[in-house]
Amino acid sequence: MTWLRALYALGARRYFDAVAHHPYTWPELPGGRSSWNPWFQMDGAATSLRTVMTANGDAAKQIWITETGTPTNLMSEGWQALMVTAAARHWRAVP
């Protein structure tokens, strides 16, 4: 959110059509409600990417999840599948 606020402060609003986001969450699942969880920071936190966008007149712009995943060297394939499934489920649930 610091980065997004800085972009708006620099007048970048007119130079982007959507906000790209990489919500990596390990060791928490996507959809978790920890303050550091990037999925939660998109729209669930009191100050979120969405609230920053709205405050800057960009409520209609989308947040694009352009990259996410799991650390394959630290997790079993079963846990990786759980993470990816949780990400897809949460992604569909967020407008």
PDB file of N, CA and C in Angstrom:
ATOM      1  N   MET A   1       0.817  -1.185   0.000  1.00  0.00           N
ATOM      2  CA  MET A   1       0.000   0.000   0.000  1.00  0.00           C
ATOM      3  C   MET A   1       0.865   1.254   0.000  1.00  0.00           C
ATOM      4  N   THR A   2       2.033   1.169   0.613  1.00  0.00           N
ATOM      5  CA  THR A   2       2.959   2.305   0.601  1.00  0.00           C
ATOM      6  C   THR A   2       3.336   2.655  -0.838  1.00  0.00           C
ATOM      7  N   TRP A   3       3.626   1.624  -1.623  1.00  0.00           N
ATOM      8  CA  TRP A   3       4.002   1.813  -3.021  1.00  0.00           C
ATOM      9  C   TRP A   3       2.850   2.445  -3.807  1.00  0.00           C
ATOM     10  N   LEU A   4       1.634   1.940  -3.612  1.00  0.00           N
ATOM     11  CA  LEU A   4       0.478   2.462  -4.336  1.00  0.00           C
ATOM     12  C   LEU A   4       0.196   3.906  -3.933  1.00  0.00           C
ATOM     13  N   ARG A   5       0.287   4.204  -2.657  1.00  0.00           N
ATOM     14  CA  ARG A   5       0.110   5.597  -2.206  1.00  0.00           C
ATOM     15  C   ARG A   5       1.146   6.510  -2.860  1.00  0.00           C
ATOM     16  N   ALA A   6       2.379   6.032  -2.947  1.00  0.00           N
ATOM     17  CA  ALA A   6       3.442   6.835  -3.565  1.00  0.00           C
ATOM     18  C   ALA A   6       3.148   7.089  -5.040  1.00  0.00           C
ATOM     19  N   LEU A   7       2.638   6.082  -5.740  1.00  0.00           N
ATOM     20  CA  LEU A   7       2.274   6.274  -7.152  1.00  0.00           C
ATOM     21  C   LEU A   7       1.230   7.369  -7.300  1.00  0.00           C
ATOM     22  N   TYR A   8       0.204   7.317  -6.465  1.00  0.00           N
ATOM     23  CA  TYR A   8      -0.823   8.351  -6.530  1.00  0.00           C
ATOM     24  C   TYR A   8      -0.248   9.723  -6.184  1.00  0.00           C
ATOM     25  N   ALA A   9       0.601   9.784  -5.181  1.00  0.00           N
ATOM     26  CA  ALA A   9       1.203  11.063  -4.787  1.00  0.00           C
ATOM     27  C   ALA A   9       2.040  11.662  -5.914  1.00  0.00           C
ATOM     28  N   LEU A  10       2.611  10.804  -6.738  1.00  0.00           N
ATOM     29  CA  LEU A  10       3.425  11.261  -7.869  1.00  0.00           C
ATOM     30  C   LEU A  10       2.586  11.562  -9.110  1.00  0.00           C
ATOM     31  N   GLY A  11       1.270  11.383  -9.020  1.00  0.00           N
ATOM     32  CA  GLY A  11       0.387  11.689 -10.146  1.00  0.00           C
ATOM     33  C   GLY A  11       0.265  10.587 -11.182  1.00  0.00           C
ATOM     34  N   ALA A  12       0.531   9.355 -10.795  1.00  0.00           N
ATOM     35  CA  ALA A  12       0.529   8.247 -11.759  1.00  0.00           C
ATOM     36  C   ALA A  12      -0.862   7.732 -12.104  1.00  0.00           C
ATOM     37  N   ARG A  13      -1.880   8.236 -11.461  1.00  0.00           N
ATOM     38  CA  ARG A  13      -3.244   7.706 -11.647  1.00  0.00           C
ATOM     39  C   ARG A  13      -3.635   7.557 -13.112  1.00  0.00           C
ATOM     40  N   ARG A  14      -3.324   8.521 -13.914  1.00  0.00           N
ATOM     41  CA  ARG A  14      -3.751   8.487 -15.317  1.00  0.00           C
ATOM     42  C   ARG A  14      -2.919   7.553 -16.192  1.00  0.00           C
ATOM     43  N   TYR A  15      -1.887   6.952 -15.626  1.00  0.00           N
ATOM     44  CA  TYR A  15      -0.988   6.104 -16.403  1.00  0.00           C
ATOM     45  C   TYR A  15      -1.220   4.606 -16.230  1.00  0.00           C
ATOM     46  N   PHE A  16      -2.226   4.223 -15.475  1.00  0.00           N
ATOM     47  CA  PHE A  16      -2.517   2.785 -15.344  1.00  0.00           C
ATOM     48  C   PHE A  16      -4.020   2.539 -15.355  1.00  0.00           C
ATOM     49  N   ASP A  17      -4.377   1.375 -15.882  1.00  0.00           N
ATOM     50  CA  ASP A  17      -5.785   0.990 -16.005  1.00  0.00           C
ATOM     51  C   ASP A  17      -6.219  -0.003 -14.938  1.00  0.00           C
ATOM     52  N   ALA A  18      -5.263  -0.636 -14.282  1.00  0.00           N
ATOM     53  CA  ALA A  18      -5.528  -1.612 -13.224  1.00  0.00           C
ATOM     54  C   ALA A  18      -4.288  -1.663 -12.343  1.00  0.00           C
ATOM     55  N   VAL A  19      -4.435  -2.223 -11.158  1.00  0.00           N
ATOM     56  CA  VAL A  19      -3.312  -2.389 -10.239  1.00  0.00           C
ATOM     57  C   VAL A  19      -2.923  -3.861 -10.231  1.00  0.00           C
ATOM     58  N   ALA A  20      -1.685  -4.153 -10.627  1.00  0.00           N
ATOM     59  CA  ALA A  20      -1.175  -5.526 -10.589  1.00  0.00           C
ATOM     60  C   ALA A  20      -0.734  -5.842  -9.165  1.00  0.00           C
ATOM     61  N   HIS A  21      -0.995  -7.067  -8.748  1.00  0.00           N
ATOM     62  CA  HIS A  21      -0.703  -7.455  -7.362  1.00  0.00           C
ATOM     63  C   HIS A  21      -0.189  -8.888  -7.341  1.00  0.00           C
ATOM     64  N   HIS A  22       0.802  -9.164  -6.506  1.00  0.00           N
ATOM     65  CA  HIS A  22       1.374 -10.499  -6.336  1.00  0.00           C
ATOM     66  C   HIS A  22       1.137 -10.961  -4.904  1.00  0.00           C
ATOM     67  N   PRO A  23      -0.005 -11.561  -4.629  1.00  0.00           N
ATOM     68  CA  PRO A  23      -0.340 -11.918  -3.250  1.00  0.00           C
ATOM     69  C   PRO A  23       0.235 -13.265  -2.788  1.00  0.00           C
ATOM     70  N   TYR A  24       1.520 -13.303  -2.545  1.00  0.00           N
ATOM     71  CA  TYR A  24       2.136 -14.497  -1.950  1.00  0.00           C
ATOM     72  C   TYR A  24       1.856 -14.495  -0.459  1.00  0.00           C
ATOM     73  N   THR A  25       1.443 -15.625   0.097  1.00  0.00           N
ATOM     74  CA  THR A  25       0.989 -15.633   1.488  1.00  0.00           C
ATOM     75  C   THR A  25       1.666 -16.651   2.389  1.00  0.00           C
ATOM     76  N   TRP A  26       2.548 -17.472   1.864  1.00  0.00           N
ATOM     77  CA  TRP A  26       3.141 -18.519   2.688  1.00  0.00           C
ATOM     78  C   TRP A  26       3.718 -17.944   3.963  1.00  0.00           C
ATOM     79  N   PRO A  27       3.479 -18.487   5.122  1.00  0.00           N
ATOM     80  CA  PRO A  27       2.895 -19.798   5.402  1.00  0.00           C
ATOM     81  C   PRO A  27       1.378 -19.781   5.604  1.00  0.00           C
ATOM     82  N   GLU A  28       0.742 -18.636   5.463  1.00  0.00           N
ATOM     83  CA  GLU A  28      -0.712 -18.572   5.644  1.00  0.00           C
ATOM     84  C   GLU A  28      -1.414 -18.854   4.316  1.00  0.00           C
ATOM     85  N   LEU A  29      -2.614 -19.384   4.393  1.00  0.00           N
ATOM     86  CA  LEU A  29      -3.398 -19.629   3.187  1.00  0.00           C
ATOM     87  C   LEU A  29      -3.959 -18.319   2.635  1.00  0.00           C
ATOM     88  N   PRO A  30      -4.153 -18.238   1.323  1.00  0.00           N
ATOM     89  CA  PRO A  30      -4.879 -17.102   0.765  1.00  0.00           C
ATOM     90  C   PRO A  30      -6.243 -17.010   1.444  1.00  0.00           C
ATOM     91  N   GLY A  31      -6.692 -15.808   1.678  1.00  0.00           N
ATOM     92  CA  GLY A  31      -7.959 -15.622   2.375  1.00  0.00           C
ATOM     93  C   GLY A  31      -7.786 -15.480   3.870  1.00  0.00           C
ATOM     94  N   GLY A  32      -6.551 -15.717   4.367  1.00  0.00           N
ATOM     95  CA  GLY A  32      -6.284 -15.503   5.784  1.00  0.00           C
ATOM     96  C   GLY A  32      -6.434 -14.032   6.141  1.00  0.00           C
ATOM     97  N   ARG A  33      -6.656 -13.750   7.395  1.00  0.00           N
ATOM     98  CA  ARG A  33      -6.946 -12.372   7.804  1.00  0.00           C
ATOM     99  C   ARG A  33      -5.820 -11.712   8.599  1.00  0.00           C
ATOM    100  N   SER A  34      -4.605 -12.207   8.448  1.00  0.00           N
ATOM    101  CA  SER A  34      -3.464 -11.560   9.096  1.00  0.00           C
ATOM    102  C   SER A  34      -3.198 -10.222   8.411  1.00  0.00           C
ATOM    103  N   SER A  35      -2.788  -9.239   9.172  1.00  0.00           N
ATOM    104  CA  SER A  35      -2.582  -7.904   8.596  1.00  0.00           C
ATOM    105  C   SER A  35      -1.512  -7.901   7.508  1.00  0.00           C
ATOM    106  N   TRP A  36      -0.564  -8.827   7.557  1.00  0.00           N
ATOM    107  CA  TRP A  36       0.501  -8.873   6.549  1.00  0.00           C
ATOM    108  C   TRP A  36       0.100  -9.655   5.301  1.00  0.00           C
ATOM    109  N   ASN A  37      -1.025 -10.364   5.334  1.00  0.00           N
ATOM    110  CA  ASN A  37      -1.430 -11.224   4.228  1.00  0.00           C
ATOM    111  C   ASN A  37      -1.838 -10.385   3.012  1.00  0.00           C
ATOM    112  N   PRO A  38      -1.151 -10.509   1.887  1.00  0.00           N
ATOM    113  CA  PRO A  38      -1.461  -9.695   0.714  1.00  0.00           C
ATOM    114  C   PRO A  38      -2.871  -9.901   0.155  1.00  0.00           C
ATOM    115  N   TRP A  39      -3.452 -11.084   0.347  1.00  0.00           N
ATOM    116  CA  TRP A  39      -4.846 -11.266  -0.081  1.00  0.00           C
ATOM    117  C   TRP A  39      -5.755 -10.392   0.772  1.00  0.00           C
ATOM    118  N   PHE A  40      -5.527 -10.376   2.074  1.00  0.00           N
ATOM    119  CA  PHE A  40      -6.323  -9.549   2.988  1.00  0.00           C
ATOM    120  C   PHE A  40      -6.100  -8.069   2.698  1.00  0.00           C
ATOM    121  N   GLN A  41      -4.882  -7.702   2.308  1.00  0.00           N
ATOM    122  CA  GLN A  41      -4.558  -6.309   2.023  1.00  0.00           C
ATOM    123  C   GLN A  41      -5.227  -5.794   0.750  1.00  0.00           C
ATOM    124  N   MET A  42      -5.706  -6.687  -0.102  1.00  0.00           N
ATOM    125  CA  MET A  42      -6.385  -6.234  -1.315  1.00  0.00           C
ATOM    126  C   MET A  42      -7.684  -5.510  -1.004  1.00  0.00           C
ATOM    127  N   ASP A  43      -8.496  -6.112  -0.136  1.00  0.00           N
ATOM    128  CA  ASP A  43      -9.808  -5.508   0.100  1.00  0.00           C
ATOM    129  C   ASP A  43     -10.381  -5.729   1.488  1.00  0.00           C
ATOM    130  N   GLY A  44      -9.715  -6.539   2.318  1.00  0.00           N
ATOM    131  CA  GLY A  44     -10.283  -6.861   3.621  1.00  0.00           C
ATOM    132  C   GLY A  44      -9.830  -5.962   4.748  1.00  0.00           C
ATOM    133  N   ALA A  45      -8.614  -5.462   4.666  1.00  0.00           N
ATOM    134  CA  ALA A  45      -8.053  -4.640   5.740  1.00  0.00           C
ATOM    135  C   ALA A  45      -8.704  -3.260   5.763  1.00  0.00           C
ATOM    136  N   ALA A  46      -8.683  -2.620   6.920  1.00  0.00           N
ATOM    137  CA  ALA A  46      -9.252  -1.276   7.035  1.00  0.00           C
ATOM    138  C   ALA A  46      -8.591  -0.329   6.038  1.00  0.00           C
ATOM    139  N   THR A  47      -7.277  -0.413   5.907  1.00  0.00           N
ATOM    140  CA  THR A  47      -6.557   0.297   4.857  1.00  0.00           C
ATOM    141  C   THR A  47      -6.066  -0.780   3.904  1.00  0.00           C
ATOM    142  N   SER A  48      -6.601  -0.781   2.706  1.00  0.00           N
ATOM    143  CA  SER A  48      -6.318  -1.832   1.736  1.00  0.00           C
ATOM    144  C   SER A  48      -5.969  -1.208   0.393  1.00  0.00           C
ATOM    145  N   LEU A  49      -5.538  -2.028  -0.539  1.00  0.00           N
ATOM    146  CA  LEU A  49      -5.320  -1.522  -1.897  1.00  0.00           C
ATOM    147  C   LEU A  49      -6.597  -0.864  -2.402  1.00  0.00           C
ATOM    148  N   ARG A  50      -7.730  -1.505  -2.135  1.00  0.00           N
ATOM    149  CA  ARG A  50      -9.012  -0.966  -2.602  1.00  0.00           C
ATOM    150  C   ARG A  50      -9.326   0.378  -1.962  1.00  0.00           C
ATOM    151  N   THR A  51      -9.094   0.543  -0.660  1.00  0.00           N
ATOM    152  CA  THR A  51      -9.405   1.833  -0.026  1.00  0.00           C
ATOM    153  C   THR A  51      -8.471   2.928  -0.529  1.00  0.00           C
ATOM    154  N   VAL A  52      -7.218   2.590  -0.790  1.00  0.00           N
ATOM    155  CA  VAL A  52      -6.278   3.578  -1.345  1.00  0.00           C
ATOM    156  C   VAL A  52      -6.736   3.987  -2.742  1.00  0.00           C
ATOM    157  N   MET A  53      -7.137   3.016  -3.553  1.00  0.00           N
ATOM    158  CA  MET A  53      -7.615   3.311  -4.905  1.00  0.00           C
ATOM    159  C   MET A  53      -8.871   4.181  -4.858  1.00  0.00           C
ATOM    160  N   THR A  54      -9.806   3.825  -3.984  1.00  0.00           N
ATOM    161  CA  THR A  54     -11.051   4.578  -3.864  1.00  0.00           C
ATOM    162  C   THR A  54     -10.784   6.012  -3.414  1.00  0.00           C
ATOM    163  N   ALA A  55      -9.899   6.177  -2.453  1.00  0.00           N
ATOM    164  CA  ALA A  55      -9.561   7.515  -1.956  1.00  0.00           C
ATOM    165  C   ALA A  55      -8.938   8.383  -3.039  1.00  0.00           C
ATOM    166  N   ASN A  56      -8.399   7.746  -4.069  1.00  0.00           N
ATOM    167  CA  ASN A  56      -7.758   8.489  -5.155  1.00  0.00           C
ATOM    168  C   ASN A  56      -8.593   8.499  -6.432  1.00  0.00           C
ATOM    169  N   GLY A  57      -9.891   8.220  -6.293  1.00  0.00           N
ATOM    170  CA  GLY A  57     -10.806   8.308  -7.420  1.00  0.00           C
ATOM    171  C   GLY A  57     -10.754   7.130  -8.381  1.00  0.00           C
ATOM    172  N   ASP A  58     -10.171   6.014  -7.960  1.00  0.00           N
ATOM    173  CA  ASP A  58     -10.031   4.848  -8.834  1.00  0.00           C
ATOM    174  C   ASP A  58     -10.849   3.645  -8.365  1.00  0.00           C
ATOM    175  N   ALA A  59     -12.001   3.874  -7.785  1.00  0.00           N
ATOM    176  CA  ALA A  59     -12.834   2.770  -7.301  1.00  0.00           C
ATOM    177  C   ALA A  59     -13.238   1.821  -8.421  1.00  0.00           C
ATOM    178  N   ALA A  60     -13.342   2.315  -9.636  1.00  0.00           N
ATOM    179  CA  ALA A  60     -13.780   1.479 -10.762  1.00  0.00           C
ATOM    180  C   ALA A  60     -12.655   0.627 -11.346  1.00  0.00           C
ATOM    181  N   LYS A  61     -11.421   0.944 -11.026  1.00  0.00           N
ATOM    182  CA  LYS A  61     -10.309   0.168 -11.564  1.00  0.00           C
ATOM    183  C   LYS A  61     -10.217  -1.184 -10.859  1.00  0.00           C
ATOM    184  N   GLN A  62      -9.737  -2.174 -11.593  1.00  0.00           N
ATOM    185  CA  GLN A  62      -9.595  -3.516 -11.057  1.00  0.00           C
ATOM    186  C   GLN A  62      -8.224  -3.727 -10.432  1.00  0.00           C
ATOM    187  N   ILE A  63      -8.160  -4.708  -9.544  1.00  0.00           N
ATOM    188  CA  ILE A  63      -6.892  -5.219  -9.030  1.00  0.00           C
ATOM    189  C   ILE A  63      -6.669  -6.542  -9.751  1.00  0.00           C
ATOM    190  N   TRP A  64      -5.577  -6.654 -10.451  1.00  0.00           N
ATOM    191  CA  TRP A  64      -5.252  -7.881 -11.179  1.00  0.00           C
ATOM    192  C   TRP A  64      -4.233  -8.686 -10.392  1.00  0.00           C
ATOM    193  N   ILE A  65      -4.540  -9.932 -10.136  1.00  0.00           N
ATOM    194  CA  ILE A  65      -3.575 -10.843  -9.526  1.00  0.00           C
ATOM    195  C   ILE A  65      -2.741 -11.393 -10.674  1.00  0.00           C
ATOM    196  N   THR A  66      -1.545 -10.880 -10.816  1.00  0.00           N
ATOM    197  CA  THR A  66      -0.712 -11.237 -11.964  1.00  0.00           C
ATOM    198  C   THR A  66       0.321 -12.308 -11.640  1.00  0.00           C
ATOM    199  N   GLU A  67       0.425 -12.657 -10.372  1.00  0.00           N
ATOM    200  CA  GLU A  67       1.367 -13.706  -9.975  1.00  0.00           C
ATOM    201  C   GLU A  67       1.043 -14.130  -8.550  1.00  0.00           C
ATOM    202  N   THR A  68       1.062 -15.422  -8.327  1.00  0.00           N
ATOM    203  CA  THR A  68       0.929 -15.969  -6.977  1.00  0.00           C
ATOM    204  C   THR A  68       1.450 -17.400  -7.015  1.00  0.00           C
ATOM    205  N   GLY A  69       1.599 -18.016  -5.891  1.00  0.00           N
ATOM    206  CA  GLY A  69       2.089 -19.383  -5.878  1.00  0.00           C
ATOM    207  C   GLY A  69       2.529 -19.800  -4.488  1.00  0.00           C
ATOM    208  N   THR A  70       3.271 -20.906  -4.460  1.00  0.00           N
ATOM    209  CA  THR A  70       3.742 -21.464  -3.198  1.00  0.00           C
ATOM    210  C   THR A  70       5.229 -21.798  -3.312  1.00  0.00           C
ATOM    211  N   PRO A  71       5.965 -21.799  -2.205  1.00  0.00           N
ATOM    212  CA  PRO A  71       7.382 -22.173  -2.252  1.00  0.00           C
ATOM    213  C   PRO A  71       7.520 -23.695  -2.374  1.00  0.00           C
ATOM    214  N   THR A  72       7.769 -24.154  -3.568  1.00  0.00           N
ATOM    215  CA  THR A  72       7.773 -25.595  -3.827  1.00  0.00           C
ATOM    216  C   THR A  72       8.866 -26.339  -3.077  1.00  0.00           C
ATOM    217  N   ASN A  73       9.929 -25.665  -2.718  1.00  0.00           N
ATOM    218  CA  ASN A  73      11.010 -26.342  -1.992  1.00  0.00           C
ATOM    219  C   ASN A  73      10.702 -26.517  -0.501  1.00  0.00           C
ATOM    220  N   LEU A  74       9.649 -25.877  -0.011  1.00  0.00           N
ATOM    221  CA  LEU A  74       9.313 -25.935   1.408  1.00  0.00           C
ATOM    222  C   LEU A  74       8.016 -26.688   1.704  1.00  0.00           C
ATOM    223  N   MET A  75       7.279 -27.058   0.669  1.00  0.00           N
ATOM    224  CA  MET A  75       5.951 -27.628   0.881  1.00  0.00           C
ATOM    225  C   MET A  75       5.757 -28.908   0.085  1.00  0.00           C
ATOM    226  N   SER A  76       4.930 -29.774   0.620  1.00  0.00           N
ATOM    227  CA  SER A  76       4.566 -30.988  -0.112  1.00  0.00           C
ATOM    228  C   SER A  76       3.637 -30.614  -1.265  1.00  0.00           C
ATOM    229  N   GLU A  77       3.490 -31.516  -2.215  1.00  0.00           N
ATOM    230  CA  GLU A  77       2.575 -31.268  -3.324  1.00  0.00           C
ATOM    231  C   GLU A  77       1.138 -31.123  -2.815  1.00  0.00           C
ATOM    232  N   GLY A  78       0.781 -31.846  -1.771  1.00  0.00           N
ATOM    233  CA  GLY A  78      -0.556 -31.718  -1.192  1.00  0.00           C
ATOM    234  C   GLY A  78      -0.806 -30.323  -0.635  1.00  0.00           C
ATOM    235  N   TRP A  79       0.192 -29.783   0.071  1.00  0.00           N
ATOM    236  CA  TRP A  79       0.058 -28.423   0.628  1.00  0.00           C
ATOM    237  C   TRP A  79       0.027 -27.394  -0.495  1.00  0.00           C
ATOM    238  N   GLN A  80       0.838 -27.601  -1.529  1.00  0.00           N
ATOM    239  CA  GLN A  80       0.827 -26.701  -2.687  1.00  0.00           C
ATOM    240  C   GLN A  80      -0.552 -26.688  -3.332  1.00  0.00           C
ATOM    241  N   ALA A  81      -1.153 -27.861  -3.486  1.00  0.00           N
ATOM    242  CA  ALA A  81      -2.487 -27.959  -4.067  1.00  0.00           C
ATOM    243  C   ALA A  81      -3.509 -27.228  -3.202  1.00  0.00           C
ATOM    244  N   LEU A  82      -3.381 -27.362  -1.885  1.00  0.00           N
ATOM    245  CA  LEU A  82      -4.277 -26.659  -0.962  1.00  0.00           C
ATOM    246  C   LEU A  82      -4.144 -25.144  -1.126  1.00  0.00           C
ATOM    247  N   MET A  83      -2.905 -24.657  -1.223  1.00  0.00           N
ATOM    248  CA  MET A  83      -2.667 -23.217  -1.381  1.00  0.00           C
ATOM    249  C   MET A  83      -3.273 -22.698  -2.684  1.00  0.00           C
ATOM    250  N   VAL A  84      -3.032 -23.398  -3.775  1.00  0.00           N
ATOM    251  CA  VAL A  84      -3.534 -22.957  -5.078  1.00  0.00           C
ATOM    252  C   VAL A  84      -5.064 -23.018  -5.109  1.00  0.00           C
ATOM    253  N   THR A  85      -5.633 -24.058  -4.535  1.00  0.00           N
ATOM    254  CA  THR A  85      -7.092 -24.184  -4.479  1.00  0.00           C
ATOM    255  C   THR A  85      -7.690 -23.061  -3.641  1.00  0.00           C
ATOM    256  N   ALA A  86      -7.071 -22.766  -2.498  1.00  0.00           N
ATOM    257  CA  ALA A  86      -7.558 -21.675  -1.644  1.00  0.00           C
ATOM    258  C   ALA A  86      -7.457 -20.342  -2.374  1.00  0.00           C
ATOM    259  N   ALA A  87      -6.380 -20.135  -3.122  1.00  0.00           N
ATOM    260  CA  ALA A  87      -6.218 -18.896  -3.889  1.00  0.00           C
ATOM    261  C   ALA A  87      -7.331 -18.760  -4.924  1.00  0.00           C
ATOM    262  N   ALA A  88      -7.600 -19.824  -5.669  1.00  0.00           N
ATOM    263  CA  ALA A  88      -8.651 -19.777  -6.689  1.00  0.00           C
ATOM    264  C   ALA A  88     -10.023 -19.532  -6.052  1.00  0.00           C
ATOM    265  N   ARG A  89     -10.288 -20.188  -4.944  1.00  0.00           N
ATOM    266  CA  ARG A  89     -11.574 -20.021  -4.245  1.00  0.00           C
ATOM    267  C   ARG A  89     -11.736 -18.574  -3.760  1.00  0.00           C
ATOM    268  N   HIS A  90     -10.683 -18.049  -3.147  1.00  0.00           N
ATOM    269  CA  HIS A  90     -10.756 -16.675  -2.641  1.00  0.00           C
ATOM    270  C   HIS A  90     -10.857 -15.684  -3.792  1.00  0.00           C
ATOM    271  N   TRP A  91     -10.134 -15.918  -4.849  1.00  0.00           N
ATOM    272  CA  TRP A  91     -10.140 -15.031  -6.019  1.00  0.00           C
ATOM    273  C   TRP A  91     -11.551 -14.897  -6.581  1.00  0.00           C
ATOM    274  N   ARG A  92     -12.247 -16.025  -6.690  1.00  0.00           N
ATOM    275  CA  ARG A  92     -13.616 -15.994  -7.224  1.00  0.00           C
ATOM    276  C   ARG A  92     -14.583 -15.289  -6.277  1.00  0.00           C
ATOM    277  N   ALA A  93     -14.284 -15.293  -4.988  1.00  0.00           N
ATOM    278  CA  ALA A  93     -15.201 -14.721  -4.000  1.00  0.00           C
ATOM    279  C   ALA A  93     -15.067 -13.205  -3.855  1.00  0.00           C
ATOM    280  N   VAL A  94     -13.950 -12.656  -4.345  1.00  0.00           N
ATOM    281  CA  VAL A  94     -13.708 -11.214  -4.195  1.00  0.00           C
ATOM    282  C   VAL A  94     -14.138 -10.501  -5.471  1.00  0.00           C
ATOM    283  N   PRO A  95     -15.024  -9.520  -5.357  1.00  0.00           N
ATOM    284  CA  PRO A  95     -15.469  -8.819  -6.580  1.00  0.00           C
ATOM    285  C   PRO A  95     -14.336  -8.115  -7.304  1.00  0.00           C
TER     286      PRO A  95
END
